[in-house]
Amino acid sequence: QFNWKQRRGKMATTIHDVARAAEVGIG
């Protein structure tokens, strides 16, 4: 669902997404 919305441009990347992809904390 996330990938589909990203492709459709209906959901901006959040800081949580960056933290999860980089495998670090939000802080």
PDB file of all heavy atoms in Angstrom:
ATOM      1  N   GLN A   1       0.837  -1.204   0.000  1.00  0.00           N
ATOM      2  CA  GLN A   1       0.000   0.000   0.000  1.00  0.00           C
ATOM      3  C   GLN A   1       0.876   1.259   0.000  1.00  0.00           C
ATOM      4  O   GLN A   1       0.622   2.217  -0.731  1.00  0.00           O
ATOM      5  CB  GLN A   1      -0.913   0.003   1.225  1.00  0.00           C
ATOM      6  CG  GLN A   1      -1.906   1.181   1.228  1.00  0.00           C
ATOM      7  CD  GLN A   1      -2.734   1.217   2.478  1.00  0.00           C
ATOM      8  OE1 GLN A   1      -2.195   1.102   3.574  1.00  0.00           O
ATOM      9  NE2 GLN A   1      -4.052   1.338   2.325  1.00  0.00           N
ATOM     10  N   PHE A   2       1.946   1.229   0.817  1.00  0.00           N
ATOM     11  CA  PHE A   2       2.869   2.369   0.888  1.00  0.00           C
ATOM     12  C   PHE A   2       3.527   2.599  -0.475  1.00  0.00           C
ATOM     13  O   PHE A   2       3.582   3.721  -0.979  1.00  0.00           O
ATOM     14  CB  PHE A   2       3.935   2.113   1.957  1.00  0.00           C
ATOM     15  CG  PHE A   2       5.051   3.112   1.949  1.00  0.00           C
ATOM     16  CD1 PHE A   2       4.874   4.369   2.497  1.00  0.00           C
ATOM     17  CD2 PHE A   2       6.279   2.793   1.362  1.00  0.00           C
ATOM     18  CE1 PHE A   2       5.895   5.299   2.486  1.00  0.00           C
ATOM     19  CE2 PHE A   2       7.297   3.729   1.346  1.00  0.00           C
ATOM     20  CZ  PHE A   2       7.093   4.976   1.912  1.00  0.00           C
ATOM     21  N   ASN A   3       4.024   1.508  -1.073  1.00  0.00           N
ATOM     22  CA  ASN A   3       4.688   1.630  -2.371  1.00  0.00           C
ATOM     23  C   ASN A   3       3.734   2.144  -3.440  1.00  0.00           C
ATOM     24  O   ASN A   3       4.106   2.961  -4.282  1.00  0.00           O
ATOM     25  CB  ASN A   3       5.261   0.271  -2.798  1.00  0.00           C
ATOM     26  CG  ASN A   3       6.437  -0.143  -1.924  1.00  0.00           C
ATOM     27  OD1 ASN A   3       7.084   0.707  -1.318  1.00  0.00           O
ATOM     28  ND2 ASN A   3       6.698  -1.435  -1.860  1.00  0.00           N
ATOM     29  N   TRP A   4       2.483   1.680  -3.382  1.00  0.00           N
ATOM     30  CA  TRP A   4       1.495   2.122  -4.375  1.00  0.00           C
ATOM     31  C   TRP A   4       1.209   3.609  -4.220  1.00  0.00           C
ATOM     32  O   TRP A   4       1.170   4.355  -5.201  1.00  0.00           O
ATOM     33  CB  TRP A   4       0.201   1.308  -4.191  1.00  0.00           C
ATOM     34  CG  TRP A   4      -0.873   1.728  -5.175  1.00  0.00           C
ATOM     35  CD1 TRP A   4      -0.966   1.405  -6.489  1.00  0.00           C
ATOM     36  CD2 TRP A   4      -1.984   2.586  -4.888  1.00  0.00           C
ATOM     37  NE1 TRP A   4      -2.066   1.980  -7.065  1.00  0.00           N
ATOM     38  CE2 TRP A   4      -2.723   2.722  -6.099  1.00  0.00           C
ATOM     39  CE3 TRP A   4      -2.443   3.232  -3.751  1.00  0.00           C
ATOM     40  CZ2 TRP A   4      -3.875   3.489  -6.173  1.00  0.00           C
ATOM     41  CZ3 TRP A   4      -3.581   3.995  -3.837  1.00  0.00           C
ATOM     42  CH2 TRP A   4      -4.295   4.115  -5.039  1.00  0.00           C
ATOM     43  N   LYS A   5       1.054   4.062  -2.984  1.00  0.00           N
ATOM     44  CA  LYS A   5       0.763   5.472  -2.748  1.00  0.00           C
ATOM     45  C   LYS A   5       1.961   6.352  -3.100  1.00  0.00           C
ATOM     46  O   LYS A   5       1.795   7.472  -3.574  1.00  0.00           O
ATOM     47  CB  LYS A   5       0.367   5.699  -1.280  1.00  0.00           C
ATOM     48  CG  LYS A   5      -1.033   5.175  -0.963  1.00  0.00           C
ATOM     49  CD  LYS A   5      -1.410   5.490   0.478  1.00  0.00           C
ATOM     50  CE  LYS A   5      -2.840   5.025   0.777  1.00  0.00           C
ATOM     51  NZ  LYS A   5      -3.222   5.323   2.169  1.00  0.00           N
ATOM     52  N   GLN A   6       3.136   5.817  -2.850  1.00  0.00           N
ATOM     53  CA  GLN A   6       4.330   6.563  -3.243  1.00  0.00           C
ATOM     54  C   GLN A   6       4.365   6.738  -4.753  1.00  0.00           C
ATOM     55  O   GLN A   6       4.674   7.816  -5.262  1.00  0.00           O
ATOM     56  CB  GLN A   6       5.606   5.844  -2.788  1.00  0.00           C
ATOM     57  CG  GLN A   6       5.900   6.001  -1.308  1.00  0.00           C
ATOM     58  CD  GLN A   6       6.423   7.385  -1.024  1.00  0.00           C
ATOM     59  OE1 GLN A   6       5.653   8.308  -0.793  1.00  0.00           O
ATOM     60  NE2 GLN A   6       7.725   7.557  -1.030  1.00  0.00           N
ATOM     61  N   ARG A   7       4.036   5.657  -5.448  1.00  0.00           N
ATOM     62  CA  ARG A   7       4.043   5.724  -6.907  1.00  0.00           C
ATOM     63  C   ARG A   7       2.969   6.673  -7.404  1.00  0.00           C
ATOM     64  O   ARG A   7       3.154   7.368  -8.391  1.00  0.00           O
ATOM     65  CB  ARG A   7       3.820   4.320  -7.508  1.00  0.00           C
ATOM     66  CG  ARG A   7       5.008   3.392  -7.356  1.00  0.00           C
ATOM     67  CD  ARG A   7       4.839   2.172  -8.247  1.00  0.00           C
ATOM     68  NE  ARG A   7       3.661   1.392  -7.899  1.00  0.00           N
ATOM     69  CZ  ARG A   7       3.675   0.394  -7.008  1.00  0.00           C
ATOM     70  NH1 ARG A   7       4.795   0.082  -6.368  1.00  0.00           N
ATOM     71  NH2 ARG A   7       2.564  -0.281  -6.750  1.00  0.00           N
ATOM     72  N   ARG A   8       1.872   6.703  -6.730  1.00  0.00           N
ATOM     73  CA  ARG A   8       0.774   7.582  -7.123  1.00  0.00           C
ATOM     74  C   ARG A   8       1.015   9.024  -6.663  1.00  0.00           C
ATOM     75  O   ARG A   8       0.299   9.927  -7.049  1.00  0.00           O
ATOM     76  CB  ARG A   8      -0.542   7.087  -6.501  1.00  0.00           C
ATOM     77  CG  ARG A   8      -0.978   5.723  -7.016  1.00  0.00           C
ATOM     78  CD  ARG A   8      -1.615   5.817  -8.367  1.00  0.00           C
ATOM     79  NE  ARG A   8      -2.871   6.558  -8.297  1.00  0.00           N
ATOM     80  CZ  ARG A   8      -3.608   6.849  -9.340  1.00  0.00           C
ATOM     81  NH1 ARG A   8      -3.225   6.468 -10.541  1.00  0.00           N
ATOM     82  NH2 ARG A   8      -4.735   7.540  -9.214  1.00  0.00           N
ATOM     83  N   GLY A   9       2.038   9.230  -5.813  1.00  0.00           N
ATOM     84  CA  GLY A   9       2.360  10.571  -5.329  1.00  0.00           C
ATOM     85  C   GLY A   9       1.367  11.100  -4.320  1.00  0.00           C
ATOM     86  O   GLY A   9       1.253  12.308  -4.125  1.00  0.00           O
ATOM     87  N   LYS A  10       0.645  10.206  -3.641  1.00  0.00           N
ATOM     88  CA  LYS A  10      -0.380  10.641  -2.706  1.00  0.00           C
ATOM     89  C   LYS A  10       0.077  10.577  -1.257  1.00  0.00           C
ATOM     90  O   LYS A  10      -0.685  10.872  -0.357  1.00  0.00           O
ATOM     91  CB  LYS A  10      -1.654   9.796  -2.872  1.00  0.00           C
ATOM     92  CG  LYS A  10      -2.330  10.020  -4.211  1.00  0.00           C
ATOM     93  CD  LYS A  10      -3.612   9.229  -4.297  1.00  0.00           C
ATOM     94  CE  LYS A  10      -4.305   9.483  -5.629  1.00  0.00           C
ATOM     95  NZ  LYS A  10      -5.561   8.719  -5.742  1.00  0.00           N
ATOM     96  N   MET A  11       1.319  10.172  -1.029  1.00  0.00           N
ATOM     97  CA  MET A  11       1.779  10.085   0.344  1.00  0.00           C
ATOM     98  C   MET A  11       3.246  10.475   0.392  1.00  0.00           C
ATOM     99  O   MET A  11       4.090   9.825  -0.201  1.00  0.00           O
ATOM    100  CB  MET A  11       1.597   8.668   0.886  1.00  0.00           C
ATOM    101  CG  MET A  11       1.907   8.539   2.372  1.00  0.00           C
ATOM    102  SD  MET A  11       1.357   6.944   2.970  1.00  0.00           S
ATOM    103  CE  MET A  11       2.917   6.149   3.247  1.00  0.00           C
ATOM    104  N   ALA A  12       3.548  11.566   1.096  1.00  0.00           N
ATOM    105  CA  ALA A  12       4.921  12.033   1.198  1.00  0.00           C
ATOM    106  C   ALA A  12       5.701  11.160   2.158  1.00  0.00           C
ATOM    107  O   ALA A  12       5.153  10.578   3.095  1.00  0.00           O
ATOM    108  CB  ALA A  12       4.943  13.484   1.678  1.00  0.00           C
ATOM    109  N   THR A  13       6.987  11.051   1.896  1.00  0.00           N
ATOM    110  CA  THR A  13       7.866  10.307   2.790  1.00  0.00           C
ATOM    111  C   THR A  13       7.936  11.036   4.127  1.00  0.00           C
ATOM    112  O   THR A  13       8.024  12.255   4.179  1.00  0.00           O
ATOM    113  CB  THR A  13       9.274  10.225   2.191  1.00  0.00           C
ATOM    114  OG1 THR A  13       9.180   9.674   0.881  1.00  0.00           O
ATOM    115  CG2 THR A  13      10.179   9.366   3.044  1.00  0.00           C
ATOM    116  N   THR A  14       7.889  10.258   5.208  1.00  0.00           N
ATOM    117  CA  THR A  14       7.955  10.840   6.549  1.00  0.00           C
ATOM    118  C   THR A  14       9.305  10.538   7.182  1.00  0.00           C
ATOM    119  O   THR A  14      10.083   9.711   6.686  1.00  0.00           O
ATOM    120  CB  THR A  14       6.847  10.277   7.451  1.00  0.00           C
ATOM    121  OG1 THR A  14       7.127   8.892   7.712  1.00  0.00           O
ATOM    122  CG2 THR A  14       5.483  10.415   6.783  1.00  0.00           C
ATOM    123  N   ILE A  15       9.564  11.201   8.299  1.00  0.00           N
ATOM    124  CA  ILE A  15      10.798  10.965   9.036  1.00  0.00           C
ATOM    125  C   ILE A  15      10.854   9.520   9.538  1.00  0.00           C
ATOM    126  O   ILE A  15      11.929   8.930   9.671  1.00  0.00           O
ATOM    127  CB  ILE A  15      10.933  11.966  10.202  1.00  0.00           C
ATOM    128  CG1 ILE A  15      12.352  11.926  10.784  1.00  0.00           C
ATOM    129  CG2 ILE A  15       9.888  11.716  11.276  1.00  0.00           C
ATOM    130  CD1 ILE A  15      12.614  13.023  11.804  1.00  0.00           C
ATOM    131  N   HIS A  16       9.664   8.940   9.795  1.00  0.00           N
ATOM    132  CA  HIS A  16       9.606   7.539  10.218  1.00  0.00           C
ATOM    133  C   HIS A  16      10.096   6.620   9.100  1.00  0.00           C
ATOM    134  O   HIS A  16      10.797   5.631   9.364  1.00  0.00           O
ATOM    135  CB  HIS A  16       8.156   7.167  10.592  1.00  0.00           C
ATOM    136  CG  HIS A  16       7.637   7.931  11.769  1.00  0.00           C
ATOM    137  ND1 HIS A  16       7.839   7.526  13.071  1.00  0.00           N
ATOM    138  CD2 HIS A  16       6.928   9.087  11.829  1.00  0.00           C
ATOM    139  CE1 HIS A  16       7.257   8.392  13.886  1.00  0.00           C
ATOM    140  NE2 HIS A  16       6.703   9.351  13.164  1.00  0.00           N
ATOM    141  N   ASP A  17       9.727   6.944   7.861  1.00  0.00           N
ATOM    142  CA  ASP A  17      10.167   6.142   6.717  1.00  0.00           C
ATOM    143  C   ASP A  17      11.688   6.188   6.577  1.00  0.00           C
ATOM    144  O   ASP A  17      12.330   5.169   6.310  1.00  0.00           O
ATOM    145  CB  ASP A  17       9.510   6.649   5.428  1.00  0.00           C
ATOM    146  CG  ASP A  17       7.998   6.615   5.504  1.00  0.00           C
ATOM    147  OD1 ASP A  17       7.460   5.668   6.115  1.00  0.00           O
ATOM    148  OD2 ASP A  17       7.366   7.542   4.969  1.00  0.00           O
ATOM    149  N   VAL A  18      12.256   7.391   6.746  1.00  0.00           N
ATOM    150  CA  VAL A  18      13.709   7.545   6.649  1.00  0.00           C
ATOM    151  C   VAL A  18      14.395   6.739   7.741  1.00  0.00           C
ATOM    152  O   VAL A  18      15.374   6.022   7.488  1.00  0.00           O
ATOM    153  CB  VAL A  18      14.110   9.036   6.746  1.00  0.00           C
ATOM    154  CG1 VAL A  18      15.633   9.176   6.795  1.00  0.00           C
ATOM    155  CG2 VAL A  18      13.539   9.820   5.579  1.00  0.00           C
ATOM    156  N   ALA A  19      13.883   6.855   8.960  1.00  0.00           N
ATOM    157  CA  ALA A  19      14.488   6.130  10.087  1.00  0.00           C
ATOM    158  C   ALA A  19      14.435   4.623   9.868  1.00  0.00           C
ATOM    159  O   ALA A  19      15.413   3.910  10.126  1.00  0.00           O
ATOM    160  CB  ALA A  19      13.767   6.511  11.376  1.00  0.00           C
ATOM    161  N   ARG A  20      13.278   4.134   9.368  1.00  0.00           N
ATOM    162  CA  ARG A  20      13.126   2.695   9.147  1.00  0.00           C
ATOM    163  C   ARG A  20      14.069   2.214   8.043  1.00  0.00           C
ATOM    164  O   ARG A  20      14.747   1.197   8.185  1.00  0.00           O
ATOM    165  CB  ARG A  20      11.673   2.388   8.779  1.00  0.00           C
ATOM    166  CG  ARG A  20      11.390   0.903   8.593  1.00  0.00           C
ATOM    167  CD  ARG A  20       9.900   0.593   8.527  1.00  0.00           C
ATOM    168  NE  ARG A  20       9.221   1.402   7.514  1.00  0.00           N
ATOM    169  CZ  ARG A  20       8.332   2.342   7.791  1.00  0.00           C
ATOM    170  NH1 ARG A  20       8.036   2.625   9.046  1.00  0.00           N
ATOM    171  NH2 ARG A  20       7.740   3.022   6.815  1.00  0.00           N
ATOM    172  N   ALA A  21      14.155   2.986   6.952  1.00  0.00           N
ATOM    173  CA  ALA A  21      15.007   2.577   5.834  1.00  0.00           C
ATOM    174  C   ALA A  21      16.491   2.654   6.187  1.00  0.00           C
ATOM    175  O   ALA A  21      17.292   1.825   5.733  1.00  0.00           O
ATOM    176  CB  ALA A  21      14.717   3.447   4.613  1.00  0.00           C
ATOM    177  N   ALA A  22      16.860   3.628   6.997  1.00  0.00           N
ATOM    178  CA  ALA A  22      18.271   3.783   7.387  1.00  0.00           C
ATOM    179  C   ALA A  22      18.631   2.933   8.599  1.00  0.00           C
ATOM    180  O   ALA A  22      19.796   2.891   8.999  1.00  0.00           O
ATOM    181  CB  ALA A  22      18.564   5.249   7.678  1.00  0.00           C
ATOM    182  N   GLU A  23      17.594   2.341   9.196  1.00  0.00           N
ATOM    183  CA  GLU A  23      17.779   1.477  10.378  1.00  0.00           C
ATOM    184  C   GLU A  23      18.399   2.250  11.552  1.00  0.00           C
ATOM    185  O   GLU A  23      19.332   1.801  12.202  1.00  0.00           O
ATOM    186  CB  GLU A  23      18.641   0.252  10.025  1.00  0.00           C
ATOM    187  CG  GLU A  23      18.016  -0.628   8.957  1.00  0.00           C
ATOM    188  CD  GLU A  23      18.888  -1.831   8.605  1.00  0.00           C
ATOM    189  OE1 GLU A  23      20.123  -1.712   8.760  1.00  0.00           O
ATOM    190  OE2 GLU A  23      18.340  -2.869   8.205  1.00  0.00           O
ATOM    191  N   VAL A  24      17.846   3.452  11.773  1.00  0.00           N
ATOM    192  CA  VAL A  24      18.265   4.272  12.909  1.00  0.00           C
ATOM    193  C   VAL A  24      17.009   4.821  13.588  1.00  0.00           C
ATOM    194  O   VAL A  24      15.896   4.655  13.083  1.00  0.00           O
ATOM    195  CB  VAL A  24      19.157   5.460  12.475  1.00  0.00           C
ATOM    196  CG1 VAL A  24      20.452   4.954  11.842  1.00  0.00           C
ATOM    197  CG2 VAL A  24      18.407   6.386  11.519  1.00  0.00           C
ATOM    198  N   GLY A  25      17.213   5.467  14.727  1.00  0.00           N
ATOM    199  CA  GLY A  25      16.085   6.052  15.430  1.00  0.00           C
ATOM    200  C   GLY A  25      15.674   7.380  14.814  1.00  0.00           C
ATOM    201  O   GLY A  25      16.443   8.023  14.094  1.00  0.00           O
ATOM    202  N   ILE A  26      14.439   7.811  15.113  1.00  0.00           N
ATOM    203  CA  ILE A  26      13.936   9.092  14.609  1.00  0.00           C
ATOM    204  C   ILE A  26      14.796  10.244  15.115  1.00  0.00           C
ATOM    205  O   ILE A  26      15.055  11.205  14.397  1.00  0.00           O
ATOM    206  CB  ILE A  26      12.468   9.291  15.039  1.00  0.00           C
ATOM    207  CG1 ILE A  26      11.577   8.255  14.344  1.00  0.00           C
ATOM    208  CG2 ILE A  26      11.986  10.703  14.701  1.00  0.00           C
ATOM    209  CD1 ILE A  26      10.149   8.279  14.818  1.00  0.00           C
ATOM    210  N   GLY A  27      15.256  10.113  16.362  1.00  0.00           N
ATOM    211  CA  GLY A  27      16.104  11.156  16.944  1.00  0.00           C
ATOM    212  C   GLY A  27      17.387  11.364  16.156  1.00  0.00           C
ATOM    213  O   GLY A  27      17.857  12.494  15.987  1.00  0.00           O
TER     214      GLY A  27
END
